[in-house]
Amino acid sequence: MRALVLAAVLAGAIACSRTTVPPPGDGPPPPRLRALDFSAHLTSEDSTPTRLTGEVRVANRGGTPETLVFADGCPVRVRVYEARGSRMAPVWEGPRDCPAEPIALAIGAGDSAILPVPATSAEEILVSGLPDGAYRVTVLLAPESRVIEIEAGEVDLRTSL
């Protein structure tokens, strides 16, 4: 009897451990923290050098106010990855210099707040010897010692025509 129970438990564990692959075109689900939803919109200006701007929206779907506290004056950071490369680590992250003062962001129940993505140029990103080309960009928030990384899309970074 004990072997039968163990076999049933193992079969259930194996069935539950299957990986579900999302359909093509679907990205990862938007990140959440408590009752907060996060989304990012990145704009790539068609200029030379390429310039990235955008915003992060934090929506409070809960019934009580929420406050996020960021350790420094840069609540939003940009991370850049090789689009088709083998490296899993970011090839660039910025801004590099941030004011030391913490920032608190209060969001009422049912409200949203917008945080600007720091304007970044391709020259800043590619200065370390990276070539012009396609890169994957994420936006990083680190409130309350947590890390929230939001997919922002792929951009073509160019320092010259």
N, C-alpha and C. Protein backbone atom coordinates (compact mmCIF):
# COMPACT_ATOMS: atom_id res chain seq x y z
N MET A 1 0.82 -1.20 0.00
CA MET A 1 0.00 0.00 0.00
C MET A 1 0.87 1.26 0.00
N ARG A 2 1.93 1.22 0.82
CA ARG A 2 2.81 2.38 0.92
C ARG A 2 3.49 2.67 -0.42
N ALA A 3 3.89 1.61 -1.15
CA ALA A 3 4.52 1.78 -2.47
C ALA A 3 3.53 2.38 -3.46
N LEU A 4 2.25 2.02 -3.34
CA LEU A 4 1.22 2.54 -4.22
C LEU A 4 1.03 4.05 -3.98
N VAL A 5 1.01 4.47 -2.73
CA VAL A 5 0.88 5.89 -2.39
C VAL A 5 2.08 6.66 -2.89
N LEU A 6 3.29 6.11 -2.71
CA LEU A 6 4.51 6.76 -3.18
C LEU A 6 4.50 6.89 -4.70
N ALA A 7 4.05 5.87 -5.40
CA ALA A 7 3.97 5.92 -6.86
C ALA A 7 2.98 6.99 -7.31
N ALA A 8 1.86 7.13 -6.62
CA ALA A 8 0.87 8.15 -6.97
C ALA A 8 1.42 9.55 -6.73
N VAL A 9 2.13 9.73 -5.64
CA VAL A 9 2.73 11.03 -5.34
C VAL A 9 3.78 11.38 -6.40
N LEU A 10 4.63 10.43 -6.76
CA LEU A 10 5.65 10.66 -7.79
C LEU A 10 5.03 10.96 -9.14
N ALA A 11 3.98 10.26 -9.51
CA ALA A 11 3.30 10.52 -10.78
C ALA A 11 2.71 11.92 -10.79
N GLY A 12 2.13 12.33 -9.67
CA GLY A 12 1.59 13.69 -9.58
C GLY A 12 2.67 14.73 -9.67
N ALA A 13 3.82 14.49 -9.04
CA ALA A 13 4.93 15.45 -9.08
C ALA A 13 5.48 15.57 -10.49
N ILE A 14 5.59 14.44 -11.19
CA ILE A 14 6.10 14.49 -12.57
C ILE A 14 5.12 15.23 -13.46
N ALA A 15 3.83 15.00 -13.29
CA ALA A 15 2.83 15.68 -14.11
C ALA A 15 2.85 17.18 -13.86
N CYS A 16 3.06 17.58 -12.62
CA CYS A 16 3.08 19.00 -12.28
C CYS A 16 4.38 19.68 -12.67
N SER A 17 5.43 18.92 -12.94
CA SER A 17 6.71 19.55 -13.22
C SER A 17 6.93 19.82 -14.70
N ARG A 18 5.98 19.51 -15.57
CA ARG A 18 6.14 19.77 -17.00
C ARG A 18 6.22 21.27 -17.25
N THR A 19 7.06 21.63 -18.19
CA THR A 19 7.21 23.03 -18.55
C THR A 19 6.20 23.37 -19.64
N THR A 20 5.47 24.44 -19.47
CA THR A 20 4.55 24.90 -20.48
C THR A 20 5.24 25.99 -21.27
N VAL A 21 5.33 25.80 -22.57
CA VAL A 21 5.97 26.79 -23.43
C VAL A 21 4.89 27.74 -23.92
N PRO A 22 5.08 29.06 -23.73
CA PRO A 22 4.07 30.00 -24.20
C PRO A 22 4.01 30.00 -25.72
N PRO A 23 2.87 30.33 -26.30
CA PRO A 23 2.78 30.40 -27.76
C PRO A 23 3.75 31.44 -28.30
N PRO A 24 4.23 31.28 -29.55
CA PRO A 24 5.15 32.25 -30.13
C PRO A 24 4.56 33.65 -30.10
N GLY A 25 5.40 34.63 -29.82
CA GLY A 25 4.96 36.02 -29.78
C GLY A 25 4.53 36.48 -28.40
N ASP A 26 4.25 35.55 -27.52
CA ASP A 26 3.87 35.95 -26.16
C ASP A 26 5.14 36.12 -25.34
N GLY A 27 5.28 37.26 -24.68
CA GLY A 27 6.42 37.49 -23.82
C GLY A 27 6.14 36.97 -22.44
N PRO A 28 7.07 37.21 -21.53
CA PRO A 28 6.84 36.78 -20.15
C PRO A 28 5.70 37.58 -19.54
N PRO A 29 5.04 37.00 -18.54
CA PRO A 29 3.96 37.74 -17.90
C PRO A 29 4.51 38.99 -17.22
N PRO A 30 3.69 40.05 -17.14
CA PRO A 30 4.17 41.26 -16.49
C PRO A 30 4.49 40.99 -15.02
N PRO A 31 5.56 41.60 -14.50
CA PRO A 31 5.90 41.37 -13.10
C PRO A 31 4.88 42.00 -12.15
N ARG A 32 4.83 41.43 -10.95
CA ARG A 32 3.92 41.93 -9.91
C ARG A 32 4.64 41.97 -8.58
N LEU A 33 4.22 42.87 -7.74
CA LEU A 33 4.69 42.96 -6.37
C LEU A 33 3.48 43.37 -5.54
N ARG A 34 3.10 42.51 -4.61
CA ARG A 34 1.87 42.73 -3.84
C ARG A 34 0.72 42.99 -4.81
N ALA A 35 0.03 44.11 -4.70
CA ALA A 35 -1.10 44.42 -5.59
C ALA A 35 -0.67 45.34 -6.73
N LEU A 36 0.62 45.42 -7.01
CA LEU A 36 1.13 46.33 -8.04
C LEU A 36 1.49 45.57 -9.31
N ASP A 37 1.09 46.13 -10.44
CA ASP A 37 1.46 45.61 -11.76
C ASP A 37 2.42 46.60 -12.40
N PHE A 38 3.41 46.10 -13.13
CA PHE A 38 4.43 46.93 -13.75
C PHE A 38 4.44 46.70 -15.26
N SER A 39 4.57 47.78 -16.02
CA SER A 39 4.74 47.65 -17.47
C SER A 39 5.68 48.76 -17.93
N ALA A 40 6.36 48.51 -19.04
CA ALA A 40 7.31 49.49 -19.57
C ALA A 40 7.01 49.76 -21.03
N HIS A 41 7.20 51.01 -21.40
CA HIS A 41 7.08 51.43 -22.80
C HIS A 41 8.37 52.15 -23.14
N LEU A 42 9.07 51.65 -24.14
CA LEU A 42 10.36 52.21 -24.54
C LEU A 42 10.21 52.80 -25.92
N THR A 43 10.77 53.99 -26.12
CA THR A 43 10.77 54.64 -27.41
C THR A 43 12.20 54.76 -27.90
N SER A 44 12.41 54.35 -29.13
CA SER A 44 13.73 54.45 -29.75
C SER A 44 13.63 55.52 -30.82
N GLU A 45 14.27 56.66 -30.58
CA GLU A 45 14.22 57.77 -31.54
C GLU A 45 15.11 57.46 -32.73
N ASP A 46 14.58 57.69 -33.92
CA ASP A 46 15.33 57.45 -35.15
C ASP A 46 16.29 58.60 -35.40
N SER A 47 17.32 58.66 -34.63
CA SER A 47 18.33 59.70 -34.79
C SER A 47 19.69 59.02 -34.74
N THR A 48 20.71 59.75 -35.05
CA THR A 48 22.07 59.20 -34.94
C THR A 48 22.83 60.10 -33.99
N PRO A 49 23.26 59.61 -32.85
CA PRO A 49 23.08 58.24 -32.38
C PRO A 49 21.65 57.98 -31.91
N THR A 50 21.30 56.70 -31.89
CA THR A 50 19.98 56.28 -31.41
C THR A 50 19.81 56.75 -29.97
N ARG A 51 18.60 57.19 -29.64
CA ARG A 51 18.31 57.68 -28.29
C ARG A 51 17.10 56.92 -27.75
N LEU A 52 17.23 56.39 -26.53
CA LEU A 52 16.15 55.64 -25.89
C LEU A 52 15.51 56.49 -24.80
N THR A 53 14.19 56.50 -24.79
CA THR A 53 13.41 57.15 -23.72
C THR A 53 12.21 56.26 -23.45
N GLY A 54 11.41 56.62 -22.50
CA GLY A 54 10.20 55.85 -22.23
C GLY A 54 9.67 56.07 -20.84
N GLU A 55 8.81 55.15 -20.42
CA GLU A 55 8.20 55.26 -19.10
C GLU A 55 7.86 53.89 -18.56
N VAL A 56 7.79 53.82 -17.24
CA VAL A 56 7.33 52.63 -16.53
C VAL A 56 6.04 53.01 -15.84
N ARG A 57 5.01 52.19 -16.03
CA ARG A 57 3.73 52.42 -15.36
C ARG A 57 3.61 51.41 -14.23
N VAL A 58 3.27 51.92 -13.05
CA VAL A 58 3.02 51.08 -11.89
C VAL A 58 1.55 51.27 -11.52
N ALA A 59 0.77 50.20 -11.64
CA ALA A 59 -0.67 50.27 -11.37
C ALA A 59 -0.98 49.52 -10.09
N ASN A 60 -1.73 50.17 -9.21
CA ASN A 60 -2.17 49.56 -7.95
C ASN A 60 -3.57 49.02 -8.15
N ARG A 61 -3.69 47.70 -8.31
CA ARG A 61 -4.99 47.08 -8.51
C ARG A 61 -5.65 46.72 -7.18
N GLY A 62 -4.97 47.04 -6.09
CA GLY A 62 -5.49 46.69 -4.76
C GLY A 62 -6.42 47.74 -4.19
N GLY A 63 -6.93 47.45 -3.02
CA GLY A 63 -7.87 48.34 -2.35
C GLY A 63 -7.25 49.25 -1.32
N THR A 64 -5.93 49.18 -1.15
CA THR A 64 -5.24 50.05 -0.20
C THR A 64 -4.07 50.74 -0.89
N PRO A 65 -3.67 51.89 -0.40
CA PRO A 65 -2.51 52.58 -0.98
C PRO A 65 -1.24 51.75 -0.82
N GLU A 66 -0.32 51.89 -1.73
CA GLU A 66 0.98 51.20 -1.69
C GLU A 66 2.07 52.25 -1.82
N THR A 67 3.17 52.02 -1.16
CA THR A 67 4.34 52.90 -1.27
C THR A 67 5.56 52.05 -1.59
N LEU A 68 6.28 52.45 -2.63
CA LEU A 68 7.55 51.82 -2.98
C LEU A 68 8.67 52.75 -2.58
N VAL A 69 9.69 52.22 -1.94
CA VAL A 69 10.84 53.03 -1.54
C VAL A 69 12.06 52.53 -2.31
N PHE A 70 12.70 53.45 -3.01
CA PHE A 70 13.90 53.15 -3.79
C PHE A 70 15.12 53.67 -3.04
N ALA A 71 16.19 52.91 -3.04
CA ALA A 71 17.37 53.22 -2.23
C ALA A 71 18.11 54.47 -2.67
N ASP A 72 17.96 54.86 -3.95
CA ASP A 72 18.67 56.06 -4.42
C ASP A 72 17.78 56.86 -5.36
N GLY A 73 18.35 57.88 -5.95
CA GLY A 73 17.60 58.79 -6.81
C GLY A 73 17.37 58.28 -8.21
N CYS A 74 17.71 57.05 -8.50
CA CYS A 74 17.47 56.44 -9.82
C CYS A 74 16.52 55.24 -9.66
N PRO A 75 15.23 55.50 -9.58
CA PRO A 75 14.31 54.38 -9.40
C PRO A 75 14.23 53.46 -10.62
N VAL A 76 14.57 53.99 -11.80
CA VAL A 76 14.50 53.21 -13.04
C VAL A 76 15.89 53.15 -13.66
N ARG A 77 16.30 51.92 -13.99
CA ARG A 77 17.56 51.71 -14.70
C ARG A 77 17.27 50.96 -15.99
N VAL A 78 18.18 51.09 -16.94
CA VAL A 78 18.06 50.41 -18.23
C VAL A 78 19.12 49.33 -18.28
N ARG A 79 18.72 48.12 -18.72
CA ARG A 79 19.67 47.03 -18.94
C ARG A 79 19.63 46.66 -20.41
N VAL A 80 20.81 46.41 -20.97
CA VAL A 80 20.91 46.05 -22.38
C VAL A 80 21.59 44.69 -22.49
N TYR A 81 21.00 43.82 -23.29
CA TYR A 81 21.51 42.47 -23.53
C TYR A 81 21.76 42.29 -25.03
N GLU A 82 22.66 41.37 -25.38
CA GLU A 82 22.80 41.00 -26.79
C GLU A 82 21.47 40.40 -27.24
N ALA A 83 20.99 40.80 -28.40
CA ALA A 83 19.69 40.30 -28.88
C ALA A 83 19.78 38.84 -29.28
N ARG A 84 20.84 38.47 -29.93
CA ARG A 84 20.97 37.10 -30.40
C ARG A 84 22.28 36.48 -29.95
N GLY A 85 22.83 37.02 -28.92
CA GLY A 85 24.12 36.53 -28.44
C GLY A 85 23.99 35.39 -27.47
N SER A 86 25.11 34.87 -27.09
CA SER A 86 25.12 33.74 -26.16
C SER A 86 25.23 34.21 -24.71
N ARG A 87 25.51 35.48 -24.49
CA ARG A 87 25.64 35.99 -23.12
C ARG A 87 24.29 36.18 -22.47
N MET A 88 24.15 35.69 -21.26
CA MET A 88 22.92 35.88 -20.51
C MET A 88 23.01 37.11 -19.62
N ALA A 89 24.22 37.56 -19.34
CA ALA A 89 24.42 38.73 -18.49
C ALA A 89 24.24 39.99 -19.32
N PRO A 90 23.78 41.07 -18.70
CA PRO A 90 23.66 42.32 -19.45
C PRO A 90 25.02 42.80 -19.93
N VAL A 91 25.02 43.47 -21.08
CA VAL A 91 26.26 44.04 -21.60
C VAL A 91 26.41 45.51 -21.18
N TRP A 92 25.32 46.11 -20.66
CA TRP A 92 25.37 47.49 -20.19
C TRP A 92 24.20 47.72 -19.24
N GLU A 93 24.44 48.57 -18.24
CA GLU A 93 23.38 48.99 -17.32
C GLU A 93 23.63 50.43 -16.93
N GLY A 94 22.59 51.22 -16.87
CA GLY A 94 22.74 52.62 -16.49
C GLY A 94 21.41 53.21 -16.06
N PRO A 95 21.40 54.39 -15.53
CA PRO A 95 22.53 55.31 -15.42
C PRO A 95 23.52 54.87 -14.34
N ARG A 96 24.72 55.32 -14.52
CA ARG A 96 25.81 54.92 -13.61
C ARG A 96 25.87 55.80 -12.36
N ASP A 97 25.59 57.09 -12.51
CA ASP A 97 25.63 58.02 -11.37
C ASP A 97 24.22 58.40 -10.95
N CYS A 98 23.92 58.19 -9.68
CA CYS A 98 22.59 58.50 -9.15
C CYS A 98 22.72 59.29 -7.86
N PRO A 99 21.80 60.23 -7.62
CA PRO A 99 21.78 60.92 -6.33
C PRO A 99 21.59 59.90 -5.21
N ALA A 100 22.19 60.15 -4.08
CA ALA A 100 22.17 59.19 -2.96
C ALA A 100 20.84 59.18 -2.20
N GLU A 101 20.02 60.21 -2.35
CA GLU A 101 18.78 60.29 -1.57
C GLU A 101 17.76 59.26 -2.03
N PRO A 102 17.16 58.55 -1.06
CA PRO A 102 16.11 57.59 -1.41
C PRO A 102 14.87 58.32 -1.95
N ILE A 103 14.08 57.59 -2.72
CA ILE A 103 12.84 58.13 -3.29
C ILE A 103 11.70 57.21 -2.85
N ALA A 104 10.58 57.82 -2.42
CA ALA A 104 9.37 57.07 -2.07
C ALA A 104 8.30 57.41 -3.10
N LEU A 105 7.64 56.38 -3.61
CA LEU A 105 6.58 56.54 -4.60
C LEU A 105 5.29 56.00 -3.99
N ALA A 106 4.33 56.90 -3.72
CA ALA A 106 3.04 56.51 -3.15
C ALA A 106 2.01 56.39 -4.27
N ILE A 107 1.27 55.28 -4.27
CA ILE A 107 0.26 55.03 -5.31
C ILE A 107 -1.04 54.67 -4.61
N GLY A 108 -2.07 55.47 -4.83
CA GLY A 108 -3.36 55.22 -4.20
C GLY A 108 -4.03 53.98 -4.74
N ALA A 109 -5.01 53.49 -4.00
CA ALA A 109 -5.78 52.31 -4.42
C ALA A 109 -6.45 52.59 -5.76
N GLY A 110 -6.24 51.70 -6.73
CA GLY A 110 -6.84 51.86 -8.05
C GLY A 110 -6.15 52.88 -8.94
N ASP A 111 -5.08 53.51 -8.47
CA ASP A 111 -4.37 54.53 -9.24
C ASP A 111 -3.12 53.95 -9.91
N SER A 112 -2.51 54.77 -10.75
CA SER A 112 -1.26 54.42 -11.41
C SER A 112 -0.27 55.55 -11.24
N ALA A 113 1.00 55.21 -11.34
CA ALA A 113 2.07 56.20 -11.32
C ALA A 113 2.99 55.93 -12.51
N ILE A 114 3.58 56.99 -13.01
CA ILE A 114 4.49 56.88 -14.16
C ILE A 114 5.88 57.29 -13.69
N LEU A 115 6.86 56.45 -14.00
CA LEU A 115 8.26 56.75 -13.74
C LEU A 115 8.96 56.88 -15.09
N PRO A 116 9.71 57.96 -15.33
CA PRO A 116 10.39 58.09 -16.61
C PRO A 116 11.59 57.15 -16.70
N VAL A 117 11.79 56.60 -17.89
CA VAL A 117 13.00 55.84 -18.18
C VAL A 117 14.08 56.87 -18.48
N PRO A 118 15.25 56.79 -17.83
CA PRO A 118 16.28 57.80 -18.09
C PRO A 118 16.69 57.79 -19.57
N ALA A 119 16.73 58.97 -20.16
CA ALA A 119 17.14 59.09 -21.56
C ALA A 119 18.57 58.58 -21.69
N THR A 120 18.77 57.70 -22.66
CA THR A 120 20.06 57.06 -22.86
C THR A 120 20.38 57.06 -24.34
N SER A 121 21.61 57.37 -24.70
CA SER A 121 21.99 57.36 -26.11
C SER A 121 22.80 56.10 -26.43
N ALA A 122 22.79 55.74 -27.70
CA ALA A 122 23.59 54.59 -28.16
C ALA A 122 25.07 54.81 -27.86
N GLU A 123 25.52 56.05 -27.90
CA GLU A 123 26.93 56.33 -27.59
C GLU A 123 27.28 55.91 -26.17
N GLU A 124 26.39 56.18 -25.20
CA GLU A 124 26.63 55.77 -23.81
C GLU A 124 26.75 54.25 -23.70
N ILE A 125 25.86 53.54 -24.40
CA ILE A 125 25.80 52.09 -24.30
C ILE A 125 26.96 51.42 -25.04
N LEU A 126 27.25 51.90 -26.23
CA LEU A 126 28.22 51.24 -27.09
C LEU A 126 29.66 51.71 -26.86
N VAL A 127 29.87 52.64 -25.95
CA VAL A 127 31.20 53.20 -25.70
C VAL A 127 32.21 52.13 -25.25
N SER A 128 31.73 51.06 -24.68
CA SER A 128 32.64 50.02 -24.17
C SER A 128 33.07 49.03 -25.25
N GLY A 129 32.91 49.39 -26.51
CA GLY A 129 33.38 48.53 -27.59
C GLY A 129 32.33 47.63 -28.19
N LEU A 130 31.07 47.77 -27.79
CA LEU A 130 30.00 46.98 -28.38
C LEU A 130 29.71 47.50 -29.79
N PRO A 131 29.37 46.62 -30.72
CA PRO A 131 29.09 47.06 -32.09
C PRO A 131 27.68 47.62 -32.24
N ASP A 132 27.47 48.44 -33.26
CA ASP A 132 26.13 48.86 -33.63
C ASP A 132 25.33 47.60 -33.95
N GLY A 133 24.03 47.63 -33.66
CA GLY A 133 23.21 46.47 -34.00
C GLY A 133 22.00 46.33 -33.09
N ALA A 134 21.38 45.16 -33.14
CA ALA A 134 20.17 44.88 -32.38
C ALA A 134 20.52 44.43 -30.96
N TYR A 135 19.80 44.99 -30.00
CA TYR A 135 19.97 44.65 -28.60
C TYR A 135 18.61 44.51 -27.95
N ARG A 136 18.52 43.65 -26.94
CA ARG A 136 17.31 43.48 -26.14
C ARG A 136 17.44 44.39 -24.92
N VAL A 137 16.36 45.12 -24.61
CA VAL A 137 16.40 46.08 -23.51
C VAL A 137 15.35 45.72 -22.47
N THR A 138 15.76 45.82 -21.21
CA THR A 138 14.83 45.68 -20.11
C THR A 138 14.93 46.93 -19.24
N VAL A 139 13.93 47.12 -18.43
CA VAL A 139 13.92 48.23 -17.47
C VAL A 139 13.94 47.59 -16.09
N LEU A 140 14.77 48.12 -15.23
CA LEU A 140 15.00 47.54 -13.91
C LEU A 140 14.55 48.50 -12.82
N LEU A 141 13.75 47.99 -11.89
CA LEU A 141 13.37 48.73 -10.69
C LEU A 141 13.84 47.90 -9.50
N ALA A 142 14.31 48.57 -8.46
CA ALA A 142 14.78 47.84 -7.28
C ALA A 142 14.20 48.48 -6.01
N PRO A 143 12.87 48.36 -5.83
CA PRO A 143 12.29 48.90 -4.60
C PRO A 143 12.44 47.91 -3.45
N GLU A 144 12.68 48.42 -2.27
CA GLU A 144 12.66 47.62 -1.05
C GLU A 144 13.52 46.36 -1.16
N SER A 145 14.71 46.48 -1.72
CA SER A 145 15.65 45.37 -1.84
C SER A 145 15.15 44.24 -2.74
N ARG A 146 14.18 44.51 -3.58
CA ARG A 146 13.71 43.54 -4.56
C ARG A 146 14.21 43.99 -5.93
N VAL A 147 14.19 43.08 -6.89
CA VAL A 147 14.57 43.42 -8.25
C VAL A 147 13.40 43.07 -9.16
N ILE A 148 12.91 44.06 -9.89
CA ILE A 148 11.83 43.87 -10.84
C ILE A 148 12.38 44.24 -12.21
N GLU A 149 12.48 43.27 -13.09
CA GLU A 149 13.01 43.50 -14.43
C GLU A 149 11.88 43.32 -15.43
N ILE A 150 11.64 44.36 -16.23
CA ILE A 150 10.51 44.39 -17.15
C ILE A 150 11.04 44.41 -18.57
N GLU A 151 10.58 43.49 -19.39
CA GLU A 151 10.98 43.46 -20.80
C GLU A 151 10.48 44.73 -21.48
N ALA A 152 11.37 45.39 -22.25
CA ALA A 152 11.00 46.61 -22.94
C ALA A 152 11.14 46.49 -24.45
N GLY A 153 11.66 45.36 -24.94
CA GLY A 153 11.72 45.14 -26.38
C GLY A 153 13.13 45.12 -26.93
N GLU A 154 13.19 45.06 -28.25
CA GLU A 154 14.46 45.02 -28.97
C GLU A 154 14.64 46.34 -29.71
N VAL A 155 15.85 46.87 -29.69
CA VAL A 155 16.15 48.13 -30.37
C VAL A 155 17.38 47.96 -31.24
N ASP A 156 17.46 48.81 -32.25
CA ASP A 156 18.62 48.85 -33.13
C ASP A 156 19.46 50.05 -32.70
N LEU A 157 20.58 49.80 -32.06
CA LEU A 157 21.43 50.89 -31.56
C LEU A 157 22.49 51.24 -32.60
N ARG A 158 22.56 52.51 -32.95
CA ARG A 158 23.51 53.00 -33.95
C ARG A 158 24.16 54.28 -33.44
N THR A 159 25.47 54.34 -33.61
CA THR A 159 26.18 55.59 -33.26
C THR A 159 26.42 56.44 -34.50
N SER A 160 26.31 55.82 -35.69
CA SER A 160 26.48 56.56 -36.94
C SER A 160 25.65 55.90 -38.03
N LEU A 161 25.47 56.60 -39.14
CA LEU A 161 24.68 56.05 -40.25
C LEU A 161 25.40 54.99 -40.99
